[in-house]
Amino acid sequence: MSQTYIFLNGDFERPTRDWPDRPEPGDLIIIADGGERHAAALGWPVHWLVGDFDSLEPGRLERYQLSGVDIERYPAEKDEIDFELALGLARRLGHPSVEVLGALGGRWDMSLANLFLPRADGWDDLSVRFRHGPWTILTVTGPADLTLSGRPGDSLSLLPLGQDVLQIVLRGCRYPLAGETLRAGLTRGLSNLFEQTEVSLSFASGTLLIMRRDGEAGG
């Protein structure tokens, strides 16, 4: 199955596990404005450039135009951030599985907006994972039933967003949950540990920010 990669203009730290040296031939690489520098540092190709290009280095846009890269340019004054435009493009192109790089750091408002965006109304058909060094982050809205892959010793944190998350069942971690509630704003779901290579997680309602961090063996 092909994979889509979106590079944003935040801090970039190469994922420490399960990360290819090069994309596969059928993969899609979308660059949101200044995220181009991260793809360039990796030596990755660029298929689409999206944004207002206020963060792109001078001359780079023209170079990509001449090389035939597809470009969607937007005005600086707009209602969407560049990540929203890039995610919408992935959907229009029929690529529902997305890995996002460079989404965190720098500005807290942008980092939080990036993390919350995949759970906005109308985006439920997309599978979005944020990758940053040892971290893999995703947001999931219930009802949900999923399997999280990792290694024993990886950390797992579950943070409710906006409201309580109900009837959580968590198996395969040091601290299991059996149909319990995680209260919004409280910290009970932080700093659990994988005890198996697969952890099962289900819940009835609410939205969880799910954060897995590779253990030392994954560095």
C-alpha atoms as a PDB file:
ATOM      1  CA  MET A   1       0.000   0.000   0.000  1.00  0.00           C
ATOM      2  CA  SER A   2       1.371   3.402  -0.947  1.00  0.00           C
ATOM      3  CA  GLN A   3       2.217   5.931   1.734  1.00  0.00           C
ATOM      4  CA  THR A   4       1.921   9.696   1.738  1.00  0.00           C
ATOM      5  CA  TYR A   5       4.480  11.874   3.523  1.00  0.00           C
ATOM      6  CA  ILE A   6       3.770  15.513   4.359  1.00  0.00           C
ATOM      7  CA  PHE A   7       6.696  17.706   5.415  1.00  0.00           C
ATOM      8  CA  LEU A   8       5.876  20.812   7.473  1.00  0.00           C
ATOM      9  CA  ASN A   9       8.087  23.717   8.514  1.00  0.00           C
ATOM     10  CA  GLY A  10       8.432  22.905  12.222  1.00  0.00           C
ATOM     11  CA  ASP A  11      11.341  21.177  13.920  1.00  0.00           C
ATOM     12  CA  PHE A  12      12.438  17.962  12.248  1.00  0.00           C
ATOM     13  CA  GLU A  13      13.973  14.941  13.922  1.00  0.00           C
ATOM     14  CA  ARG A  14      14.382  11.816  11.814  1.00  0.00           C
ATOM     15  CA  PRO A  15      12.225   8.962  13.155  1.00  0.00           C
ATOM     16  CA  THR A  16      14.303   6.462  15.091  1.00  0.00           C
ATOM     17  CA  ARG A  17      12.380   3.364  14.008  1.00  0.00           C
ATOM     18  CA  ASP A  18      10.527   2.020  10.968  1.00  0.00           C
ATOM     19  CA  TRP A  19      11.674   4.824   8.701  1.00  0.00           C
ATOM     20  CA  PRO A  20      12.778   4.240   5.076  1.00  0.00           C
ATOM     21  CA  ASP A  21      15.958   5.690   3.636  1.00  0.00           C
ATOM     22  CA  ARG A  22      13.997   6.422   0.481  1.00  0.00           C
ATOM     23  CA  PRO A  23      10.280   6.448  -0.357  1.00  0.00           C
ATOM     24  CA  GLU A  24       8.819   3.638  -2.424  1.00  0.00           C
ATOM     25  CA  PRO A  25       8.007   4.333  -6.113  1.00  0.00           C
ATOM     26  CA  GLY A  26       4.262   4.620  -5.438  1.00  0.00           C
ATOM     27  CA  ASP A  27       4.591   6.928  -2.434  1.00  0.00           C
ATOM     28  CA  LEU A  28       3.556  10.577  -2.504  1.00  0.00           C
ATOM     29  CA  ILE A  29       5.637  13.406  -1.007  1.00  0.00           C
ATOM     30  CA  ILE A  30       3.810  16.661  -0.310  1.00  0.00           C
ATOM     31  CA  ILE A  31       5.727  19.700   0.917  1.00  0.00           C
ATOM     32  CA  ALA A  32       4.008  22.449   2.864  1.00  0.00           C
ATOM     33  CA  ASP A  33       6.015  25.610   2.236  1.00  0.00           C
ATOM     34  CA  GLY A  34       9.266  25.672   4.286  1.00  0.00           C
ATOM     35  CA  GLY A  35       9.024  21.955   5.004  1.00  0.00           C
ATOM     36  CA  GLU A  36      10.938  21.625   1.754  1.00  0.00           C
ATOM     37  CA  ARG A  37      14.190  22.007   3.692  1.00  0.00           C
ATOM     38  CA  HIS A  38      13.561  18.760   5.579  1.00  0.00           C
ATOM     39  CA  ALA A  39      12.875  16.732   2.437  1.00  0.00           C
ATOM     40  CA  ALA A  40      15.932  18.294   0.801  1.00  0.00           C
ATOM     41  CA  ALA A  41      18.120  17.367   3.785  1.00  0.00           C
ATOM     42  CA  LEU A  42      16.998  13.742   3.408  1.00  0.00           C
ATOM     43  CA  GLY A  43      17.563  13.805  -0.348  1.00  0.00           C
ATOM     44  CA  TRP A  44      13.926  12.904  -0.953  1.00  0.00           C
ATOM     45  CA  PRO A  45      12.030  13.840  -4.113  1.00  0.00           C
ATOM     46  CA  VAL A  46       9.224  16.402  -4.088  1.00  0.00           C
ATOM     47  CA  HIS A  47       5.962  15.677  -5.900  1.00  0.00           C
ATOM     48  CA  TRP A  48       3.790  18.585  -4.714  1.00  0.00           C
ATOM     49  CA  LEU A  49       4.492  21.990  -3.167  1.00  0.00           C
ATOM     50  CA  VAL A  50       1.617  23.628  -1.271  1.00  0.00           C
ATOM     51  CA  GLY A  51       1.276  26.932   0.587  1.00  0.00           C
ATOM     52  CA  ASP A  52       1.865  30.646   0.361  1.00  0.00           C
ATOM     53  CA  PHE A  53       5.656  30.057   0.207  1.00  0.00           C
ATOM     54  CA  ASP A  54       6.552  32.778   2.676  1.00  0.00           C
ATOM     55  CA  SER A  55       8.990  30.345   4.323  1.00  0.00           C
ATOM     56  CA  LEU A  56      10.548  28.845   1.207  1.00  0.00           C
ATOM     57  CA  GLU A  57      14.121  29.885   0.528  1.00  0.00           C
ATOM     58  CA  PRO A  58      14.496  32.390  -2.365  1.00  0.00           C
ATOM     59  CA  GLY A  59      14.938  30.733  -5.724  1.00  0.00           C
ATOM     60  CA  ARG A  60      13.728  27.327  -4.569  1.00  0.00           C
ATOM     61  CA  LEU A  61      10.184  27.793  -5.868  1.00  0.00           C
ATOM     62  CA  GLU A  62      11.397  28.718  -9.356  1.00  0.00           C
ATOM     63  CA  ARG A  63      13.743  25.742  -9.355  1.00  0.00           C
ATOM     64  CA  TYR A  64      10.869  23.378  -8.579  1.00  0.00           C
ATOM     65  CA  GLN A  65       8.667  25.032 -11.206  1.00  0.00           C
ATOM     66  CA  LEU A  66      11.343  24.421 -13.831  1.00  0.00           C
ATOM     67  CA  SER A  67      11.726  20.788 -12.760  1.00  0.00           C
ATOM     68  CA  GLY A  68       8.008  20.090 -13.251  1.00  0.00           C
ATOM     69  CA  VAL A  69       6.928  19.713  -9.610  1.00  0.00           C
ATOM     70  CA  ASP A  70       3.188  20.247  -9.145  1.00  0.00           C
ATOM     71  CA  ILE A  71       2.534  23.476  -7.225  1.00  0.00           C
ATOM     72  CA  GLU A  72      -0.535  24.842  -5.445  1.00  0.00           C
ATOM     73  CA  ARG A  73       0.073  28.434  -4.412  1.00  0.00           C
ATOM     74  CA  TYR A  74      -2.218  30.297  -2.000  1.00  0.00           C
ATOM     75  CA  PRO A  75      -2.339  33.914  -0.783  1.00  0.00           C
ATOM     76  CA  ALA A  76      -0.635  34.739   2.505  1.00  0.00           C
ATOM     77  CA  GLU A  77      -3.954  35.886   3.979  1.00  0.00           C
ATOM     78  CA  LYS A  78      -6.102  32.745   4.108  1.00  0.00           C
ATOM     79  CA  ASP A  79      -8.306  30.811   6.517  1.00  0.00           C
ATOM     80  CA  GLU A  80      -6.250  27.597   6.517  1.00  0.00           C
ATOM     81  CA  ILE A  81      -2.741  26.793   7.661  1.00  0.00           C
ATOM     82  CA  ASP A  82      -0.475  25.114   5.118  1.00  0.00           C
ATOM     83  CA  PHE A  83      -0.885  21.704   6.782  1.00  0.00           C
ATOM     84  CA  GLU A  84      -4.653  21.838   6.270  1.00  0.00           C
ATOM     85  CA  LEU A  85      -4.095  22.598   2.586  1.00  0.00           C
ATOM     86  CA  ALA A  86      -1.582  19.757   2.247  1.00  0.00           C
ATOM     87  CA  LEU A  87      -3.866  17.289   4.022  1.00  0.00           C
ATOM     88  CA  GLY A  88      -6.747  18.293   1.795  1.00  0.00           C
ATOM     89  CA  LEU A  89      -4.559  17.695  -1.243  1.00  0.00           C
ATOM     90  CA  ALA A  90      -3.644  14.189  -0.041  1.00  0.00           C
ATOM     91  CA  ARG A  91      -7.324  13.405   0.292  1.00  0.00           C
ATOM     92  CA  ARG A  92      -8.192  14.772  -3.167  1.00  0.00           C
ATOM     93  CA  LEU A  93      -5.427  12.656  -4.673  1.00  0.00           C
ATOM     94  CA  GLY A  94      -6.831   9.530  -3.009  1.00  0.00           C
ATOM     95  CA  HIS A  95      -4.054   9.010  -0.449  1.00  0.00           C
ATOM     96  CA  PRO A  96      -5.756   8.416   2.930  1.00  0.00           C
ATOM     97  CA  SER A  97      -2.702   7.129   4.856  1.00  0.00           C
ATOM     98  CA  VAL A  98      -0.433  10.022   5.838  1.00  0.00           C
ATOM     99  CA  GLU A  99       2.761  10.370   7.856  1.00  0.00           C
ATOM    100  CA  VAL A 100       3.558  13.934   8.926  1.00  0.00           C
ATOM    101  CA  LEU A 101       7.063  15.256   9.588  1.00  0.00           C
ATOM    102  CA  GLY A 102       8.071  18.652  10.961  1.00  0.00           C
ATOM    103  CA  ALA A 103       4.739  19.280  12.699  1.00  0.00           C
ATOM    104  CA  LEU A 104       6.072  20.094  16.163  1.00  0.00           C
ATOM    105  CA  GLY A 105       8.273  22.711  17.787  1.00  0.00           C
ATOM    106  CA  GLY A 106       8.822  26.391  17.247  1.00  0.00           C
ATOM    107  CA  ARG A 107       5.318  27.725  17.762  1.00  0.00           C
ATOM    108  CA  TRP A 108       2.988  26.105  20.286  1.00  0.00           C
ATOM    109  CA  ASP A 109      -0.119  27.391  18.510  1.00  0.00           C
ATOM    110  CA  MET A 110       0.910  25.779  15.233  1.00  0.00           C
ATOM    111  CA  SER A 111       1.997  22.539  16.908  1.00  0.00           C
ATOM    112  CA  LEU A 112      -1.345  22.154  18.683  1.00  0.00           C
ATOM    113  CA  ALA A 113      -3.307  23.102  15.572  1.00  0.00           C
ATOM    114  CA  ASN A 114      -1.416  20.439  13.614  1.00  0.00           C
ATOM    115  CA  LEU A 115      -2.144  17.741  16.196  1.00  0.00           C
ATOM    116  CA  PHE A 116      -5.837  18.588  16.480  1.00  0.00           C
ATOM    117  CA  LEU A 117      -6.550  18.999  12.765  1.00  0.00           C
ATOM    118  CA  PRO A 118      -6.982  15.288  11.828  1.00  0.00           C
ATOM    119  CA  ARG A 119      -9.918  14.989  14.240  1.00  0.00           C
ATOM    120  CA  ALA A 120     -11.857  17.937  12.867  1.00  0.00           C
ATOM    121  CA  ASP A 121     -15.274  17.165  11.391  1.00  0.00           C
ATOM    122  CA  GLY A 122     -14.948  15.797   7.891  1.00  0.00           C
ATOM    123  CA  TRP A 123     -11.439  14.343   8.203  1.00  0.00           C
ATOM    124  CA  ASP A 124     -12.399  10.956   9.650  1.00  0.00           C
ATOM    125  CA  ASP A 125     -11.545   9.088   6.440  1.00  0.00           C
ATOM    126  CA  LEU A 126      -7.837   9.870   6.837  1.00  0.00           C
ATOM    127  CA  SER A 127      -5.266   7.944   8.849  1.00  0.00           C
ATOM    128  CA  VAL A 128      -2.675  10.459  10.088  1.00  0.00           C
ATOM    129  CA  ARG A 129       0.440   9.745  12.136  1.00  0.00           C
ATOM    130  CA  PHE A 130       2.886  12.386  13.324  1.00  0.00           C
ATOM    131  CA  ARG A 131       6.533  11.272  13.461  1.00  0.00           C
ATOM    132  CA  HIS A 132       9.271  13.073  15.365  1.00  0.00           C
ATOM    133  CA  GLY A 133      12.425  11.273  16.458  1.00  0.00           C
ATOM    134  CA  PRO A 134      11.328   8.538  18.892  1.00  0.00           C
ATOM    135  CA  TRP A 135       7.730   9.809  18.958  1.00  0.00           C
ATOM    136  CA  THR A 136       4.728   8.546  17.014  1.00  0.00           C
ATOM    137  CA  ILE A 137       1.559  10.554  17.713  1.00  0.00           C
ATOM    138  CA  LEU A 138      -1.993  10.214  16.480  1.00  0.00           C
ATOM    139  CA  THR A 139      -5.437  11.426  17.478  1.00  0.00           C
ATOM    140  CA  VAL A 140      -8.368   9.024  17.462  1.00  0.00           C
ATOM    141  CA  THR A 141     -12.073   9.640  18.099  1.00  0.00           C
ATOM    142  CA  GLY A 142     -14.307   6.904  19.468  1.00  0.00           C
ATOM    143  CA  PRO A 143     -15.868   4.526  19.100  1.00  0.00           C
ATOM    144  CA  ALA A 144     -12.490   3.023  18.265  1.00  0.00           C
ATOM    145  CA  ASP A 145     -10.797  -0.367  18.341  1.00  0.00           C
ATOM    146  CA  LEU A 146      -7.145  -0.432  17.299  1.00  0.00           C
ATOM    147  CA  THR A 147      -3.824  -2.204  17.708  1.00  0.00           C
ATOM    148  CA  LEU A 148      -0.666  -0.247  18.511  1.00  0.00           C
ATOM    149  CA  SER A 149       2.659  -1.754  17.458  1.00  0.00           C
ATOM    150  CA  GLY A 150       5.885  -1.236  19.383  1.00  0.00           C
ATOM    151  CA  ARG A 151       8.405  -3.037  21.552  1.00  0.00           C
ATOM    152  CA  PRO A 152       8.514  -3.899  25.250  1.00  0.00           C
ATOM    153  CA  GLY A 153       9.805  -0.830  27.083  1.00  0.00           C
ATOM    154  CA  ASP A 154       8.223   1.713  24.729  1.00  0.00           C
ATOM    155  CA  SER A 155       6.228   4.341  26.587  1.00  0.00           C
ATOM    156  CA  LEU A 156       2.562   5.020  25.872  1.00  0.00           C
ATOM    157  CA  SER A 157       0.562   8.049  26.940  1.00  0.00           C
ATOM    158  CA  LEU A 158      -3.165   8.575  26.421  1.00  0.00           C
ATOM    159  CA  LEU A 159      -4.410  12.132  26.787  1.00  0.00           C
ATOM    160  CA  PRO A 160      -8.149  12.955  26.506  1.00  0.00           C
ATOM    161  CA  LEU A 161      -8.895  15.972  24.337  1.00  0.00           C
ATOM    162  CA  GLY A 162     -11.793  18.228  25.251  1.00  0.00           C
ATOM    163  CA  GLN A 163     -13.948  15.696  27.064  1.00  0.00           C
ATOM    164  CA  ASP A 164     -13.777  12.482  29.085  1.00  0.00           C
ATOM    165  CA  VAL A 165     -12.923   9.309  27.170  1.00  0.00           C
ATOM    166  CA  LEU A 166     -15.261   6.494  28.180  1.00  0.00           C
ATOM    167  CA  GLN A 167     -14.996   2.719  28.519  1.00  0.00           C
ATOM    168  CA  ILE A 168     -11.306   2.391  27.732  1.00  0.00           C
ATOM    169  CA  VAL A 169      -9.938  -1.115  27.455  1.00  0.00           C
ATOM    170  CA  LEU A 170      -6.142  -1.323  27.239  1.00  0.00           C
ATOM    171  CA  ARG A 171      -4.237  -4.618  27.104  1.00  0.00           C
ATOM    172  CA  GLY A 172      -0.564  -5.395  26.647  1.00  0.00           C
ATOM    173  CA  CYS A 173       0.756  -2.568  28.865  1.00  0.00           C
ATOM    174  CA  ARG A 174       2.104  -2.542  32.402  1.00  0.00           C
ATOM    175  CA  TYR A 175      -0.978  -0.667  33.601  1.00  0.00           C
ATOM    176  CA  PRO A 176      -4.043  -2.108  31.844  1.00  0.00           C
ATOM    177  CA  LEU A 177      -7.461  -0.486  31.752  1.00  0.00           C
ATOM    178  CA  ALA A 178     -10.731  -2.409  31.884  1.00  0.00           C
ATOM    179  CA  GLY A 179     -13.663  -0.337  30.718  1.00  0.00           C
ATOM    180  CA  GLU A 180     -12.552   2.750  32.620  1.00  0.00           C
ATOM    181  CA  THR A 181     -12.847   6.506  32.083  1.00  0.00           C
ATOM    182  CA  LEU A 182      -9.983   8.902  31.515  1.00  0.00           C
ATOM    183  CA  ARG A 183     -11.004  12.358  32.692  1.00  0.00           C
ATOM    184  CA  ALA A 184     -10.202  15.334  30.489  1.00  0.00           C
ATOM    185  CA  GLY A 185      -7.515  17.541  32.012  1.00  0.00           C
ATOM    186  CA  LEU A 186      -6.171  14.858  34.362  1.00  0.00           C
ATOM    187  CA  THR A 187      -2.991  12.852  33.867  1.00  0.00           C
ATOM    188  CA  ARG A 188      -3.812   9.248  34.703  1.00  0.00           C
ATOM    189  CA  GLY A 189      -3.172   8.062  31.140  1.00  0.00           C
ATOM    190  CA  LEU A 190       0.439   9.267  30.941  1.00  0.00           C
ATOM    191  CA  SER A 191       3.653   7.244  31.056  1.00  0.00           C
ATOM    192  CA  ASN A 192       2.443   3.670  30.625  1.00  0.00           C
ATOM    193  CA  LEU A 193       4.797   1.022  29.195  1.00  0.00           C
ATOM    194  CA  PHE A 194       4.509  -1.583  26.452  1.00  0.00           C
ATOM    195  CA  GLU A 195       4.963  -5.135  27.732  1.00  0.00           C
ATOM    196  CA  GLN A 196       4.310  -6.764  24.355  1.00  0.00           C
ATOM    197  CA  THR A 197       4.925  -5.940  20.700  1.00  0.00           C
ATOM    198  CA  GLU A 198       1.225  -5.227  20.208  1.00  0.00           C
ATOM    199  CA  VAL A 199      -1.101  -3.309  22.502  1.00  0.00           C
ATOM    200  CA  SER A 200      -4.864  -3.390  22.027  1.00  0.00           C
ATOM    201  CA  LEU A 201      -6.851  -0.237  22.743  1.00  0.00           C
ATOM    202  CA  SER A 202     -10.568   0.391  22.465  1.00  0.00           C
ATOM    203  CA  PHE A 203     -12.927   3.028  23.815  1.00  0.00           C
ATOM    204  CA  ALA A 204     -16.564   3.995  23.377  1.00  0.00           C
ATOM    205  CA  SER A 205     -16.466   7.777  23.000  1.00  0.00           C
ATOM    206  CA  GLY A 206     -14.282  10.856  23.243  1.00  0.00           C
ATOM    207  CA  THR A 207     -10.996  11.736  21.545  1.00  0.00           C
ATOM    208  CA  LEU A 208      -7.563  10.513  22.598  1.00  0.00           C
ATOM    209  CA  LEU A 209      -4.164  11.931  21.793  1.00  0.00           C
ATOM    210  CA  ILE A 210      -2.092   8.736  21.610  1.00  0.00           C
ATOM    211  CA  MET A 211       1.658   9.129  22.047  1.00  0.00           C
ATOM    212  CA  ARG A 212       4.145   6.280  21.756  1.00  0.00           C
ATOM    213  CA  ARG A 213       7.833   6.846  22.422  1.00  0.00           C
ATOM    214  CA  ASP A 214      10.462   4.331  21.343  1.00  0.00           C
ATOM    215  CA  GLY A 215      12.357   2.804  24.234  1.00  0.00           C
ATOM    216  CA  GLU A 216      16.151   2.909  24.321  1.00  0.00           C
ATOM    217  CA  ALA A 217      16.337  -0.251  22.231  1.00  0.00           C
ATOM    218  CA  GLY A 218      14.612   1.612  19.387  1.00  0.00           C
ATOM    219  CA  GLY A 219      17.174   4.428  19.231  1.00  0.00           C
END
